[in-house]
């Protein structure tokens, strides 16, 4: 069968006065640079598949269903065939329609995200996708390339001189000499670029790298940060090759060793990532596209039974007018996720299999260990792993991170998640036509 691709983009910049990262106290006051969604529809042998990467922090619960549903309808496909991922920049929104409803009911409408704005973004993206479908391009080859990125990623995990293990190397820790000098730790140093070609002509390049995408944030200055800026640099360099960037599994990976949170650091990180993307593009080898298989598996992650996440406690916090609004929002997010798990709704873990290469999308802030696990599991294939799909779980630590006492208020899944994640990866990476 002949394969084809169409591309789309839309502006998804939040309005001023909008909350960032769901819980930051300073709402948006200015736009440093716009937020965008970039995607493609790929068709041929079966129902089309859609991939879309958005310059937002997270899309959770009902919002994740609504957005995928709308894109699926527009592309003439089904919801699980939409690989929707957030880049996870922090001066951008968290959208969660179930949490928003809970908050609306206690007088906090539009505090998490502007619901009307979210609807308008879906509408705008659907129109862009539909317009793109009018200009399909044949795809004959798939390209793969990878390159080391220098001095961006470092693991949150550090060991203090007294032997204490901590995960406190955050995005801006580079100004602290201990964090700057501590080794990088467990990372995936490569940016991987998968590209689609019409004969000799490149049409689209999707680049994926595992790091939290922040240089600085929290001042209300809307920005796609260094990952969005690097993507734009590459787009200027290759105006006819659609550039998409997605974040890999980077729950425990930040730029913290190399970043002090200065504006100079943002520029340096942008240039280093763009350099890595350029090298991955140079490294690209093409192979004929002979197959496009889609596989999906249902993943059930257990809700975390931590006392702070007990239903009664979260309900009380949502209703407690004496609490900070940000704390009530976080409680509503926890409650929304709890209700979703209780309803039995599973997480989709989709995989696009091109034979020589695969793209797989994992939920939430999966730790980098899951990305490395996927690559080891399927060494014959060029495996591109994206994180931040369905985002209700928050952090998804590995067993070893739980054993090191990783804990965070952005953690909604229980210890023991690793075996479930591993089983899901095995199902989508190693089965052929759905049969292991």
Protein backbone atom coordinates (compact mmCIF):
# COMPACT_ATOMS: atom_id res chain seq x y z
CA UNK A 1 0.00 0.00 0.00
CA UNK A 2 1.08 3.57 -0.58
CA UNK A 3 1.81 5.50 2.61
CA UNK A 4 1.10 9.18 3.01
CA UNK A 5 1.64 11.91 5.60
CA UNK A 6 0.07 15.29 6.32
CA UNK A 7 1.22 17.82 8.90
CA UNK A 8 -0.42 20.45 11.07
CA UNK A 9 0.40 23.18 13.57
CA UNK A 10 -1.57 25.60 15.71
CA UNK A 11 -0.90 28.32 18.25
CA UNK A 12 -1.86 27.17 21.76
CA UNK A 13 -0.51 30.11 23.78
CA UNK A 14 -2.42 30.64 27.01
CA UNK A 15 -4.04 34.02 27.66
CA UNK A 16 -2.52 36.42 30.19
CA UNK A 17 -3.75 35.87 33.73
CA UNK A 18 -3.74 32.09 33.20
CA UNK A 19 -2.20 29.69 35.68
CA UNK A 20 1.00 27.90 34.72
CA UNK A 21 1.96 24.32 35.65
CA UNK A 22 -1.41 23.97 37.36
CA UNK A 23 -0.17 25.15 40.73
CA UNK A 24 2.31 28.01 40.30
CA UNK A 25 1.26 31.07 42.35
CA UNK A 26 2.29 33.61 39.67
CA UNK A 27 -0.14 33.56 36.74
CA UNK A 28 0.97 34.47 33.22
CA UNK A 29 1.93 38.13 32.83
CA UNK A 30 3.76 38.18 29.48
CA UNK A 31 4.61 36.07 26.43
CA UNK A 32 8.34 35.52 25.89
CA UNK A 33 7.59 33.25 22.93
CA UNK A 34 4.47 31.41 21.73
CA UNK A 35 3.27 27.92 22.63
CA UNK A 36 2.50 25.62 19.70
CA UNK A 37 1.20 22.20 18.81
CA UNK A 38 2.87 20.34 15.95
CA UNK A 39 1.73 17.04 14.55
CA UNK A 40 1.21 14.69 11.67
CA UNK A 41 -1.33 12.22 10.32
CA UNK A 42 0.16 9.07 8.79
CA UNK A 43 -1.92 6.76 6.65
CA UNK A 44 -1.74 3.89 4.23
CA UNK A 45 -2.55 0.29 5.02
CA UNK A 46 -5.04 0.78 7.86
CA UNK A 47 -6.81 3.54 9.77
CA UNK A 48 -4.57 6.61 10.02
CA UNK A 49 -2.47 7.35 13.10
CA UNK A 50 -2.03 10.84 14.55
CA UNK A 51 0.96 12.14 16.50
CA UNK A 52 0.87 15.54 18.17
CA UNK A 53 3.33 17.27 20.52
CA UNK A 54 2.14 20.31 22.44
CA UNK A 55 4.08 23.03 24.28
CA UNK A 56 2.08 22.44 27.45
CA UNK A 57 3.02 21.05 30.83
CA UNK A 58 0.50 18.21 31.04
CA UNK A 59 -2.83 16.98 29.64
CA UNK A 60 -4.63 14.81 32.16
CA UNK A 61 -7.74 12.69 32.69
CA UNK A 62 -10.85 13.78 30.75
CA UNK A 63 -8.92 16.48 28.89
CA UNK A 64 -6.63 13.81 27.44
CA UNK A 65 -9.66 11.87 26.19
CA UNK A 66 -11.37 14.97 24.78
CA UNK A 67 -8.33 16.19 22.86
CA UNK A 68 -7.54 12.74 21.39
CA UNK A 69 -11.21 12.12 20.55
CA UNK A 70 -11.42 15.37 18.59
CA UNK A 71 -8.20 14.73 16.65
CA UNK A 72 -9.27 11.13 15.96
CA UNK A 73 -12.65 12.26 14.59
CA UNK A 74 -10.96 14.84 12.36
CA UNK A 75 -8.48 12.28 11.01
CA UNK A 76 -11.07 9.52 10.58
CA UNK A 77 -9.51 7.22 13.14
CA UNK A 78 -9.96 5.99 16.72
CA UNK A 79 -8.84 7.62 19.96
CA UNK A 80 -6.14 5.11 20.89
CA UNK A 81 -4.43 5.78 17.54
CA UNK A 82 -3.71 9.37 18.59
CA UNK A 83 -0.27 9.75 20.20
CA UNK A 84 -0.72 13.02 22.08
CA UNK A 85 2.24 14.16 24.16
CA UNK A 86 3.08 17.27 26.19
CA UNK A 87 6.62 18.67 26.16
CA UNK A 88 6.22 19.55 29.87
CA UNK A 89 7.55 23.12 29.97
CA UNK A 90 6.50 24.74 33.27
CA UNK A 91 5.52 28.26 32.14
CA UNK A 92 2.62 26.60 30.29
CA UNK A 93 -0.70 25.07 31.40
CA UNK A 94 -1.81 21.82 32.98
CA UNK A 95 -5.23 20.88 31.61
CA UNK A 96 -7.46 18.39 33.41
CA UNK A 97 -11.19 18.71 32.72
CA UNK A 98 -12.17 16.42 35.62
CA UNK A 99 -10.14 18.43 38.14
CA UNK A 100 -11.52 21.63 36.58
CA UNK A 101 -15.08 20.37 37.13
CA UNK A 102 -14.34 19.52 40.79
CA UNK A 103 -12.89 23.01 41.26
CA UNK A 104 -15.81 24.68 39.46
CA UNK A 105 -18.18 23.02 41.93
CA UNK A 106 -16.38 24.67 44.87
CA UNK A 107 -16.26 28.13 43.28
CA UNK A 108 -12.81 27.86 41.66
CA UNK A 109 -13.85 27.88 38.00
CA UNK A 110 -10.97 28.35 35.53
CA UNK A 111 -8.36 28.34 38.32
CA UNK A 112 -6.55 25.27 36.99
CA UNK A 113 -7.10 26.10 33.34
CA UNK A 114 -9.45 28.29 31.32
CA UNK A 115 -12.03 25.77 30.11
CA UNK A 116 -13.28 27.88 27.20
CA UNK A 117 -9.70 28.47 26.06
CA UNK A 118 -9.07 24.71 26.10
CA UNK A 119 -12.15 24.12 23.92
CA UNK A 120 -10.97 26.78 21.47
CA UNK A 121 -7.52 25.15 21.24
CA UNK A 122 -9.08 21.79 20.38
CA UNK A 123 -11.21 23.50 17.72
CA UNK A 124 -8.21 25.34 16.27
CA UNK A 125 -6.08 22.17 16.18
CA UNK A 126 -8.86 20.19 14.51
CA UNK A 127 -9.15 22.86 11.79
CA UNK A 128 -5.37 22.77 11.25
CA UNK A 129 -5.38 18.97 11.03
CA UNK A 130 -8.26 19.02 8.53
CA UNK A 131 -6.54 21.67 6.40
CA UNK A 132 -3.37 19.55 6.44
CA UNK A 133 -5.27 16.50 5.15
CA UNK A 134 -5.93 18.40 1.93
CA UNK A 135 -2.17 18.35 1.27
CA UNK A 136 -1.06 14.75 1.74
CA UNK A 137 2.48 13.83 0.72
CA UNK A 138 3.55 10.30 -0.26
CA UNK A 139 5.98 8.61 2.16
CA UNK A 140 8.43 6.11 0.66
CA UNK A 141 11.22 6.01 3.25
CA UNK A 142 11.75 6.34 6.99
CA UNK A 143 14.99 7.86 8.29
CA UNK A 144 16.70 7.30 11.64
CA UNK A 145 19.55 9.23 13.22
CA UNK A 146 20.90 9.84 16.69
CA UNK A 147 23.55 12.00 18.30
CA UNK A 148 24.92 12.74 21.74
CA UNK A 149 23.74 15.98 23.29
CA UNK A 150 26.40 17.64 25.38
CA UNK A 151 25.87 19.20 28.79
CA UNK A 152 22.11 19.26 29.17
CA UNK A 153 20.75 16.20 30.95
CA UNK A 154 21.52 15.15 34.52
CA UNK A 155 19.64 12.89 36.91
CA UNK A 156 17.84 14.36 39.93
CA UNK A 157 19.37 11.65 42.12
CA UNK A 158 22.44 12.73 44.07
CA UNK A 159 24.36 11.10 46.92
CA UNK A 160 25.57 13.44 49.65
CA UNK A 161 28.97 12.96 51.35
CA UNK A 162 27.21 11.42 54.37
CA UNK A 163 25.69 8.74 52.12
CA UNK A 164 22.21 10.29 52.07
CA UNK A 165 20.38 9.81 48.76
CA UNK A 166 18.25 12.69 47.53
CA UNK A 167 16.37 13.62 44.37
CA UNK A 168 16.79 17.35 44.93
CA UNK A 169 18.85 18.29 41.88
CA UNK A 170 16.11 20.26 40.15
CA UNK A 171 16.12 22.16 36.86
CA UNK A 172 17.97 25.21 38.20
CA UNK A 173 20.46 23.55 40.57
CA UNK A 174 23.59 24.37 38.55
CA UNK A 175 24.29 27.49 40.60
CA UNK A 176 25.01 25.21 43.57
CA UNK A 177 28.56 23.81 43.43
CA UNK A 178 27.64 20.39 44.86
CA UNK A 179 24.93 19.85 42.24
CA UNK A 180 27.10 21.24 39.45
CA UNK A 181 30.03 18.96 40.34
CA UNK A 182 28.05 15.79 41.06
CA UNK A 183 28.17 13.30 38.13
CA UNK A 184 25.35 13.34 35.54
CA UNK A 185 24.00 10.03 36.84
CA UNK A 186 21.59 7.88 34.85
CA UNK A 187 20.55 9.65 31.63
CA UNK A 188 20.01 8.83 27.96
CA UNK A 189 22.59 11.10 26.29
CA UNK A 190 21.15 10.73 22.77
CA UNK A 191 18.64 12.79 20.85
CA UNK A 192 16.92 10.48 18.38
CA UNK A 193 15.41 11.76 15.14
CA UNK A 194 12.98 9.74 13.05
CA UNK A 195 12.09 11.23 9.67
CA UNK A 196 9.69 10.60 6.82
CA UNK A 197 10.76 11.01 3.20
CA UNK A 198 9.18 11.17 -0.23
CA UNK A 199 11.96 9.64 -2.31
CA UNK A 200 15.00 11.88 -1.84
CA UNK A 201 12.95 14.65 -0.24
CA UNK A 202 12.63 14.85 3.55
CA UNK A 203 9.12 15.83 4.67
CA UNK A 204 9.17 15.70 8.47
CA UNK A 205 11.59 15.12 11.35
CA UNK A 206 10.53 14.13 14.87
CA UNK A 207 13.29 14.56 17.46
CA UNK A 208 13.05 13.16 21.00
CA UNK A 209 15.39 13.76 23.94
CA UNK A 210 14.96 12.95 27.61
CA UNK A 211 15.18 15.99 29.85
CA UNK A 212 12.89 18.29 31.78
CA UNK A 213 12.65 21.19 29.35
CA UNK A 214 13.17 24.11 31.73
CA UNK A 215 15.91 26.69 32.09
CA UNK A 216 13.89 28.99 34.36
CA UNK A 217 10.20 29.39 35.17
CA UNK A 218 7.69 30.67 37.68
CA UNK A 219 7.78 34.37 36.81
CA UNK A 220 4.66 34.26 34.66
CA UNK A 221 6.65 34.58 31.45
CA UNK A 222 5.00 32.20 28.95
CA UNK A 223 7.62 30.29 26.97
CA UNK A 224 8.22 27.04 25.08
CA UNK A 225 11.66 27.25 26.75
CA UNK A 226 14.90 25.89 25.31
CA UNK A 227 13.29 22.84 23.65
CA UNK A 228 10.79 25.00 21.75
CA UNK A 229 13.50 27.51 20.86
CA UNK A 230 15.78 24.72 19.57
CA UNK A 231 12.91 23.33 17.48
CA UNK A 232 12.41 26.78 15.92
CA UNK A 233 16.13 27.05 15.18
CA UNK A 234 15.98 23.75 13.31
CA UNK A 235 12.81 24.83 11.49
CA UNK A 236 14.61 27.98 10.27
CA UNK A 237 17.56 25.87 9.14
CA UNK A 238 15.29 23.40 7.28
CA UNK A 239 12.24 25.44 6.22
CA UNK A 240 10.78 22.64 4.07
CA UNK A 241 11.17 19.85 6.64
CA UNK A 242 8.48 20.00 9.32
CA UNK A 243 10.17 19.92 12.74
CA UNK A 244 8.52 18.26 15.74
CA UNK A 245 10.13 17.85 19.15
CA UNK A 246 8.89 15.63 21.97
CA UNK A 247 10.26 14.97 25.44
CA UNK A 248 11.48 11.49 26.29
CA UNK A 249 10.96 9.79 29.66
CA UNK A 250 12.46 12.42 31.90
CA UNK A 251 10.64 12.44 35.22
CA UNK A 252 13.99 12.16 36.99
CA UNK A 253 16.12 14.05 34.44
CA UNK A 254 16.67 17.83 34.37
CA UNK A 255 19.27 20.31 33.13
CA UNK A 256 20.18 20.86 36.80
CA UNK A 257 23.89 20.09 36.64
CA UNK A 258 24.47 22.54 33.79
CA UNK A 259 21.83 25.20 34.36
CA UNK A 260 21.83 28.03 36.90
CA UNK A 261 18.49 29.46 35.77
CA UNK A 262 19.98 32.50 34.03
CA UNK A 263 18.92 33.87 30.66
CA UNK A 264 22.40 33.03 29.37
CA UNK A 265 21.79 29.40 30.35
CA UNK A 266 18.57 29.33 28.33
CA UNK A 267 20.50 30.44 25.25
CA UNK A 268 23.29 27.90 25.87
CA UNK A 269 20.84 25.02 26.42
CA UNK A 270 18.93 26.00 23.25
CA UNK A 271 22.11 25.98 21.18
CA UNK A 272 23.35 22.67 22.61
CA UNK A 273 20.06 20.92 21.90
CA UNK A 274 19.86 22.39 18.38
CA UNK A 275 23.44 21.20 17.81
CA UNK A 276 22.49 17.67 18.91
CA UNK A 277 19.44 17.73 16.63
CA UNK A 278 21.62 18.91 13.74
CA UNK A 279 24.07 16.05 14.37
CA UNK A 280 21.23 13.50 14.55
CA UNK A 281 19.95 14.81 11.22
CA UNK A 282 23.42 14.49 9.68
CA UNK A 283 23.59 10.93 11.04
CA UNK A 284 20.31 9.95 9.36
CA UNK A 285 20.09 6.79 7.27
CA UNK A 286 17.04 6.04 5.13
CA UNK A 287 15.29 2.73 4.59
CA UNK A 288 12.22 2.01 2.43
CA UNK A 289 8.97 2.20 4.40
CA UNK A 290 7.37 -1.20 3.84
CA UNK A 291 5.11 -1.47 6.89
CA UNK A 292 3.20 0.61 9.37
CA UNK A 293 1.78 -1.46 12.18
CA UNK A 294 -0.08 0.03 15.10
CA UNK A 295 -0.23 -1.69 18.47
CA UNK A 296 -1.78 -0.53 21.71
CA UNK A 297 -2.04 -2.08 25.12
CA UNK A 298 -4.07 -1.11 28.17
CA UNK A 299 -2.05 -0.23 31.24
CA UNK A 300 -3.58 -0.14 34.71
CA UNK A 301 -1.40 1.73 37.21
CA UNK A 302 -2.35 1.50 40.85
CA UNK A 303 -3.27 4.73 42.63
CA UNK A 304 -0.85 5.58 45.44
CA UNK A 305 -2.24 4.63 48.85
CA UNK A 306 -0.28 7.38 50.63
CA UNK A 307 -2.20 8.94 53.58
CA UNK A 308 -1.89 12.40 51.96
CA UNK A 309 -3.89 11.06 48.99
CA UNK A 310 -6.76 9.49 50.94
CA UNK A 311 -10.11 10.37 49.35
CA UNK A 312 -11.55 11.99 52.51
CA UNK A 313 -8.45 14.13 52.93
CA UNK A 314 -8.38 15.32 49.31
CA UNK A 315 -12.13 16.07 49.42
CA UNK A 316 -11.67 18.08 52.61
CA UNK A 317 -8.78 20.03 51.08
CA UNK A 318 -10.73 20.85 47.91
CA UNK A 319 -13.54 22.24 50.08
CA UNK A 320 -11.33 24.08 52.60
CA UNK A 321 -11.58 27.79 51.80
CA UNK A 322 -8.79 28.60 54.26
CA UNK A 323 -6.21 26.73 52.15
CA UNK A 324 -4.15 28.33 49.40
CA UNK A 325 -5.89 28.00 46.02
CA UNK A 326 -2.82 26.14 44.70
CA UNK A 327 -3.22 23.45 47.39
CA UNK A 328 -6.90 23.05 46.59
CA UNK A 329 -6.03 22.67 42.88
CA UNK A 330 -3.49 19.95 43.65
CA UNK A 331 -6.08 18.14 45.78
CA UNK A 332 -8.61 18.33 42.92
CA UNK A 333 -6.04 16.88 40.52
CA UNK A 334 -5.41 14.03 42.95
CA UNK A 335 -9.14 13.44 43.34
CA UNK A 336 -9.73 13.46 39.57
CA UNK A 337 -6.99 10.87 39.06
CA UNK A 338 -8.31 8.75 41.92
CA UNK A 339 -11.79 8.73 40.36
CA UNK A 340 -10.36 7.78 36.96
CA UNK A 341 -8.49 4.80 38.42
CA UNK A 342 -11.57 3.79 40.42
CA UNK A 343 -13.69 3.83 37.24
CA UNK A 344 -11.32 1.22 35.78
CA UNK A 345 -10.25 3.36 32.84
CA UNK A 346 -6.88 2.14 31.60
CA UNK A 347 -4.01 4.13 30.11
CA UNK A 348 -3.31 3.60 26.40
CA UNK A 349 0.30 2.70 25.56
CA UNK A 350 0.48 3.02 21.76
CA UNK A 351 3.32 1.98 19.45
CA UNK A 352 3.97 2.73 15.77
CA UNK A 353 6.06 -0.02 14.22
CA UNK A 354 7.88 0.77 10.96
CA UNK A 355 9.96 -2.40 11.09
CA UNK A 356 13.34 -0.69 11.25
CA UNK A 357 12.07 1.82 13.80
CA UNK A 358 9.37 2.15 16.44
CA UNK A 359 7.76 5.05 18.27
CA UNK A 360 6.22 4.30 21.66
CA UNK A 361 4.40 6.71 23.99
CA UNK A 362 4.53 6.23 27.76
CA UNK A 363 2.36 8.01 30.32
CA UNK A 364 3.20 10.75 32.79
CA UNK A 365 6.60 11.66 34.09
CA UNK A 366 8.04 8.20 33.50
CA UNK A 367 11.61 7.97 34.79
CA UNK A 368 14.41 7.64 32.22
CA UNK A 369 14.95 4.02 33.26
CA UNK A 370 11.81 3.10 31.30
CA UNK A 371 13.20 4.61 28.10
CA UNK A 372 16.47 2.71 28.55
CA UNK A 373 14.47 -0.45 29.36
CA UNK A 374 12.57 -0.17 26.07
CA UNK A 375 15.79 0.20 24.06
CA UNK A 376 17.39 -2.83 25.74
CA UNK A 377 14.21 -4.85 25.26
CA UNK A 378 14.23 -4.31 21.48
CA UNK A 379 17.88 -3.83 20.47
CA UNK A 380 17.26 -4.70 16.80
CA UNK A 381 15.00 -1.70 16.29
CA UNK A 382 15.56 2.07 16.47
CA UNK A 383 13.24 2.67 19.43
CA UNK A 384 12.05 6.22 20.03
CA UNK A 385 10.34 6.57 23.40
CA UNK A 386 8.23 9.62 24.22
CA UNK A 387 7.00 10.44 27.71
CA UNK A 388 4.15 12.64 29.01
CA UNK A 389 1.26 10.93 27.24
CA UNK A 390 -1.68 10.45 29.62
CA UNK A 391 -0.38 12.51 32.55
CA UNK A 392 -2.56 11.69 35.58
CA UNK A 393 0.10 9.46 37.22
CA UNK A 394 2.56 12.33 37.66
CA UNK A 395 5.96 10.82 38.36
CA UNK A 396 6.34 7.13 37.50
CA UNK A 397 9.45 6.03 39.40
CA UNK A 398 11.28 2.77 38.80
CA UNK A 399 11.54 0.18 41.59
CA UNK A 400 15.05 1.35 42.43
CA UNK A 401 13.88 4.98 42.80
CA UNK A 402 11.06 3.90 45.14
CA UNK A 403 13.66 1.87 47.08
CA UNK A 404 15.71 5.08 47.36
CA UNK A 405 12.62 6.69 48.99
CA UNK A 406 11.64 8.93 46.09
CA UNK A 407 8.56 10.88 47.15
CA UNK A 408 6.90 13.99 45.78
CA UNK A 409 3.52 15.71 45.89
CA UNK A 410 3.39 15.17 42.08
CA UNK A 411 3.32 11.39 42.57
CA UNK A 412 -0.03 9.59 42.23
CA UNK A 413 1.09 6.03 41.46
CA UNK A 414 2.09 3.28 43.86
CA UNK A 415 5.35 1.39 44.26
CA UNK A 416 5.25 -1.69 42.03
CA UNK A 417 4.45 0.36 38.90
CA UNK A 418 7.61 -0.89 37.18
CA UNK A 419 6.41 -4.44 36.50
CA UNK A 420 3.22 -3.07 34.93
CA UNK A 421 5.14 -0.60 32.76
CA UNK A 422 7.59 -3.33 31.73
CA UNK A 423 4.75 -5.69 30.75
CA UNK A 424 3.12 -2.94 28.66
CA UNK A 425 6.40 -2.24 26.85
CA UNK A 426 6.90 -5.94 26.13
CA UNK A 427 3.40 -6.18 24.67
CA UNK A 428 3.72 -3.27 22.26
CA UNK A 429 7.39 -3.60 21.33
CA UNK A 430 7.79 -7.35 21.06
CA UNK A 431 4.46 -8.60 19.73
CA UNK A 432 3.74 -8.88 16.03
CA UNK A 433 0.16 -8.23 14.93
CA UNK A 434 -0.75 -8.16 18.61
CA UNK A 435 0.60 -11.68 19.27
CA UNK A 436 3.72 -12.02 21.45
